[in-house]
Amino acid sequence: MATYNTPYEALGEDRIRQLTSAFYDIMDSLPEAAGIRAMHGKDLAPMKERLAEYLTGWMGGPQIYAEKYGSVCMTSPHAGFSIGPAERDQWLLCMERALDAIDADPELREMLKEPMFAIAEMIRNTD
């Protein structure tokens, strides 16, 4: 099993883009994710790009999102939506399936498990 210091070392920018593309494709088609899918516009391409840029920096790579948009605060862009435990769990399900889709190894999954939950929980704004 390989050892990585950061998720970015494990994935690199191309696989992070594959992850985010898979994430939104899964969100778009998974009935269990209908709640969070409804929060997005018809065209998911801009969101695929933004999430890839955000996750690249968040996972330890270049700070693309911060360079483009300044703030990396994720609560502000989500403030207009009602996000509770169900929406958090839908997001986490889509991310878990996206990790499956890119065949992420167990070490990477373990490295991401708690931080992914923490970021999804941080965006929550309702009970």
C-alpha atoms as a PDB file:
ATOM      1  CA  MET A   1       0.000   0.000   0.000  1.00  0.00           C
ATOM      2  CA  ALA A   2       1.335   3.436  -0.933  1.00  0.00           C
ATOM      3  CA  THR A   3       1.731   6.155   1.670  1.00  0.00           C
ATOM      4  CA  TYR A   4       0.680   9.705   0.890  1.00  0.00           C
ATOM      5  CA  ASN A   5       1.218  12.888   2.859  1.00  0.00           C
ATOM      6  CA  THR A   6      -1.796  14.556   1.260  1.00  0.00           C
ATOM      7  CA  PRO A   7      -4.771  13.443  -0.811  1.00  0.00           C
ATOM      8  CA  TYR A   8      -3.396  15.623  -3.609  1.00  0.00           C
ATOM      9  CA  GLU A   9      -0.269  13.431  -3.712  1.00  0.00           C
ATOM     10  CA  ALA A  10      -2.501  10.394  -4.090  1.00  0.00           C
ATOM     11  CA  LEU A  11      -4.726  11.842  -6.798  1.00  0.00           C
ATOM     12  CA  GLY A  12      -3.120  14.776  -8.561  1.00  0.00           C
ATOM     13  CA  GLU A  13      -5.155  17.408 -10.363  1.00  0.00           C
ATOM     14  CA  ASP A  14      -6.389  15.160 -13.198  1.00  0.00           C
ATOM     15  CA  ARG A  15      -7.882  12.547 -10.879  1.00  0.00           C
ATOM     16  CA  ILE A  16      -9.404  15.256  -8.690  1.00  0.00           C
ATOM     17  CA  ARG A  17     -11.144  16.514 -11.820  1.00  0.00           C
ATOM     18  CA  GLN A  18     -12.275  12.949 -12.545  1.00  0.00           C
ATOM     19  CA  LEU A  19     -13.555  12.710  -8.962  1.00  0.00           C
ATOM     20  CA  THR A  20     -15.569  15.906  -9.210  1.00  0.00           C
ATOM     21  CA  SER A  21     -16.948  14.978 -12.605  1.00  0.00           C
ATOM     22  CA  ALA A  22     -18.023  11.586 -11.258  1.00  0.00           C
ATOM     23  CA  PHE A  23     -19.468  13.289  -8.153  1.00  0.00           C
ATOM     24  CA  TYR A  24     -21.761  15.551 -10.171  1.00  0.00           C
ATOM     25  CA  ASP A  25     -22.661  12.812 -12.664  1.00  0.00           C
ATOM     26  CA  ILE A  26     -23.712  10.626  -9.734  1.00  0.00           C
ATOM     27  CA  MET A  27     -25.618  13.489  -8.115  1.00  0.00           C
ATOM     28  CA  ASP A  28     -27.389  14.070 -11.414  1.00  0.00           C
ATOM     29  CA  SER A  29     -28.547  10.464 -11.733  1.00  0.00           C
ATOM     30  CA  LEU A  30     -28.888   9.083  -8.203  1.00  0.00           C
ATOM     31  CA  PRO A  31     -32.482   9.218  -6.922  1.00  0.00           C
ATOM     32  CA  GLU A  32     -31.185   9.379  -3.343  1.00  0.00           C
ATOM     33  CA  ALA A  33     -29.441  12.668  -4.207  1.00  0.00           C
ATOM     34  CA  ALA A  34     -32.475  14.445  -5.656  1.00  0.00           C
ATOM     35  CA  GLY A  35     -32.539  16.873  -2.734  1.00  0.00           C
ATOM     36  CA  ILE A  36     -29.094  18.274  -3.385  1.00  0.00           C
ATOM     37  CA  ARG A  37     -29.442  18.000  -7.154  1.00  0.00           C
ATOM     38  CA  ALA A  38     -32.413  20.379  -6.943  1.00  0.00           C
ATOM     39  CA  MET A  39     -30.106  23.010  -5.408  1.00  0.00           C
ATOM     40  CA  HIS A  40     -28.052  23.180  -8.607  1.00  0.00           C
ATOM     41  CA  GLY A  41     -28.711  24.652 -12.022  1.00  0.00           C
ATOM     42  CA  LYS A  42     -29.388  22.565 -15.088  1.00  0.00           C
ATOM     43  CA  ASP A  43     -25.772  22.811 -16.297  1.00  0.00           C
ATOM     44  CA  LEU A  44     -23.411  21.197 -13.802  1.00  0.00           C
ATOM     45  CA  ALA A  45     -20.239  21.990 -15.775  1.00  0.00           C
ATOM     46  CA  PRO A  46     -19.472  25.219 -13.877  1.00  0.00           C
ATOM     47  CA  MET A  47     -19.887  23.423 -10.556  1.00  0.00           C
ATOM     48  CA  LYS A  48     -17.635  20.579 -11.683  1.00  0.00           C
ATOM     49  CA  GLU A  49     -14.938  23.133 -12.418  1.00  0.00           C
ATOM     50  CA  ARG A  50     -15.345  25.043  -9.158  1.00  0.00           C
ATOM     51  CA  LEU A  51     -15.397  21.951  -6.973  1.00  0.00           C
ATOM     52  CA  ALA A  52     -12.317  20.592  -8.754  1.00  0.00           C
ATOM     53  CA  GLU A  53     -10.515  23.892  -8.151  1.00  0.00           C
ATOM     54  CA  TYR A  54     -11.599  23.955  -4.519  1.00  0.00           C
ATOM     55  CA  LEU A  55     -10.702  20.320  -3.819  1.00  0.00           C
ATOM     56  CA  THR A  56      -7.308  20.689  -5.503  1.00  0.00           C
ATOM     57  CA  GLY A  57      -6.284  23.254  -2.885  1.00  0.00           C
ATOM     58  CA  TRP A  58      -8.198  21.610  -0.035  1.00  0.00           C
ATOM     59  CA  MET A  59      -6.409  18.330  -0.723  1.00  0.00           C
ATOM     60  CA  GLY A  60      -2.983  19.953  -0.564  1.00  0.00           C
ATOM     61  CA  GLY A  61      -2.371  21.039  -4.137  1.00  0.00           C
ATOM     62  CA  PRO A  62      -2.217  24.434  -5.824  1.00  0.00           C
ATOM     63  CA  GLN A  63      -4.673  26.991  -4.446  1.00  0.00           C
ATOM     64  CA  ILE A  64      -6.518  27.451  -7.757  1.00  0.00           C
ATOM     65  CA  TYR A  65      -9.877  28.328  -6.199  1.00  0.00           C
ATOM     66  CA  ALA A  66      -8.401  30.912  -3.830  1.00  0.00           C
ATOM     67  CA  GLU A  67      -6.411  32.513  -6.647  1.00  0.00           C
ATOM     68  CA  LYS A  68      -9.527  32.850  -8.804  1.00  0.00           C
ATOM     69  CA  TYR A  69     -12.180  33.702  -6.236  1.00  0.00           C
ATOM     70  CA  GLY A  70     -10.326  34.933  -3.161  1.00  0.00           C
ATOM     71  CA  SER A  71     -12.211  33.414  -0.268  1.00  0.00           C
ATOM     72  CA  VAL A  72     -12.282  29.677   0.209  1.00  0.00           C
ATOM     73  CA  CYS A  73     -15.195  29.921   2.651  1.00  0.00           C
ATOM     74  CA  MET A  74     -17.758  27.297   1.690  1.00  0.00           C
ATOM     75  CA  THR A  75     -20.537  28.433   4.010  1.00  0.00           C
ATOM     76  CA  SER A  76     -21.311  31.679   2.143  1.00  0.00           C
ATOM     77  CA  PRO A  77     -22.089  30.126  -1.272  1.00  0.00           C
ATOM     78  CA  HIS A  78     -24.400  27.618   0.412  1.00  0.00           C
ATOM     79  CA  ALA A  79     -26.162  30.047   2.776  1.00  0.00           C
ATOM     80  CA  GLY A  80     -29.181  30.469   0.492  1.00  0.00           C
ATOM     81  CA  PHE A  81     -30.047  26.780   0.691  1.00  0.00           C
ATOM     82  CA  SER A  82     -31.557  24.744   3.490  1.00  0.00           C
ATOM     83  CA  ILE A  83     -28.879  22.167   4.217  1.00  0.00           C
ATOM     84  CA  GLY A  84     -29.539  19.722   7.011  1.00  0.00           C
ATOM     85  CA  PRO A  85     -28.385  16.210   7.888  1.00  0.00           C
ATOM     86  CA  ALA A  86     -30.231  14.667   4.915  1.00  0.00           C
ATOM     87  CA  GLU A  87     -28.508  16.968   2.408  1.00  0.00           C
ATOM     88  CA  ARG A  88     -25.150  16.452   4.115  1.00  0.00           C
ATOM     89  CA  ASP A  89     -25.610  12.697   3.869  1.00  0.00           C
ATOM     90  CA  GLN A  90     -26.658  12.922   0.199  1.00  0.00           C
ATOM     91  CA  TRP A  91     -23.463  14.870  -0.527  1.00  0.00           C
ATOM     92  CA  LEU A  92     -21.364  12.295   1.323  1.00  0.00           C
ATOM     93  CA  LEU A  93     -23.081   9.432  -0.534  1.00  0.00           C
ATOM     94  CA  CYS A  94     -22.304  11.045  -3.882  1.00  0.00           C
ATOM     95  CA  MET A  95     -18.684  11.580  -2.842  1.00  0.00           C
ATOM     96  CA  GLU A  96     -18.379   7.978  -1.666  1.00  0.00           C
ATOM     97  CA  ARG A  97     -19.752   6.742  -5.000  1.00  0.00           C
ATOM     98  CA  ALA A  98     -17.408   9.111  -6.851  1.00  0.00           C
ATOM     99  CA  LEU A  99     -14.454   7.640  -4.948  1.00  0.00           C
ATOM    100  CA  ASP A 100     -15.720   4.215  -6.070  1.00  0.00           C
ATOM    101  CA  ALA A 101     -15.914   5.477  -9.656  1.00  0.00           C
ATOM    102  CA  ILE A 102     -12.265   6.548  -9.698  1.00  0.00           C
ATOM    103  CA  ASP A 103     -11.201   3.377  -7.865  1.00  0.00           C
ATOM    104  CA  ALA A 104      -9.702   5.265  -4.923  1.00  0.00           C
ATOM    105  CA  ASP A 105      -7.526   3.076  -2.754  1.00  0.00           C
ATOM    106  CA  PRO A 106      -8.377   2.285   0.896  1.00  0.00           C
ATOM    107  CA  GLU A 107      -5.602   4.511   2.275  1.00  0.00           C
ATOM    108  CA  LEU A 108      -6.961   7.538   0.433  1.00  0.00           C
ATOM    109  CA  ARG A 109     -10.518   6.771   1.517  1.00  0.00           C
ATOM    110  CA  GLU A 110      -9.411   6.584   5.130  1.00  0.00           C
ATOM    111  CA  MET A 111      -7.437   9.811   4.783  1.00  0.00           C
ATOM    112  CA  LEU A 112     -10.542  11.588   3.420  1.00  0.00           C
ATOM    113  CA  LYS A 113     -13.243  10.051   5.614  1.00  0.00           C
ATOM    114  CA  GLU A 114     -13.204  12.436   8.584  1.00  0.00           C
ATOM    115  CA  PRO A 115     -12.238  15.617   6.683  1.00  0.00           C
ATOM    116  CA  MET A 116     -15.004  15.040   4.101  1.00  0.00           C
ATOM    117  CA  PHE A 117     -17.538  14.570   6.864  1.00  0.00           C
ATOM    118  CA  ALA A 118     -16.260  17.707   8.589  1.00  0.00           C
ATOM    119  CA  ILE A 119     -16.589  19.837   5.458  1.00  0.00           C
ATOM    120  CA  ALA A 120     -20.084  18.500   4.723  1.00  0.00           C
ATOM    121  CA  GLU A 121     -21.092  19.124   8.340  1.00  0.00           C
ATOM    122  CA  MET A 122     -19.647  22.649   8.289  1.00  0.00           C
ATOM    123  CA  ILE A 123     -21.938  23.611   5.401  1.00  0.00           C
ATOM    124  CA  ARG A 124     -25.008  22.394   7.271  1.00  0.00           C
ATOM    125  CA  ASN A 125     -27.242  25.293   8.335  1.00  0.00           C
ATOM    126  CA  THR A 126     -30.404  23.552   9.570  1.00  0.00           C
ATOM    127  CA  ASP A 127     -31.277  20.677  11.839  1.00  0.00           C
END
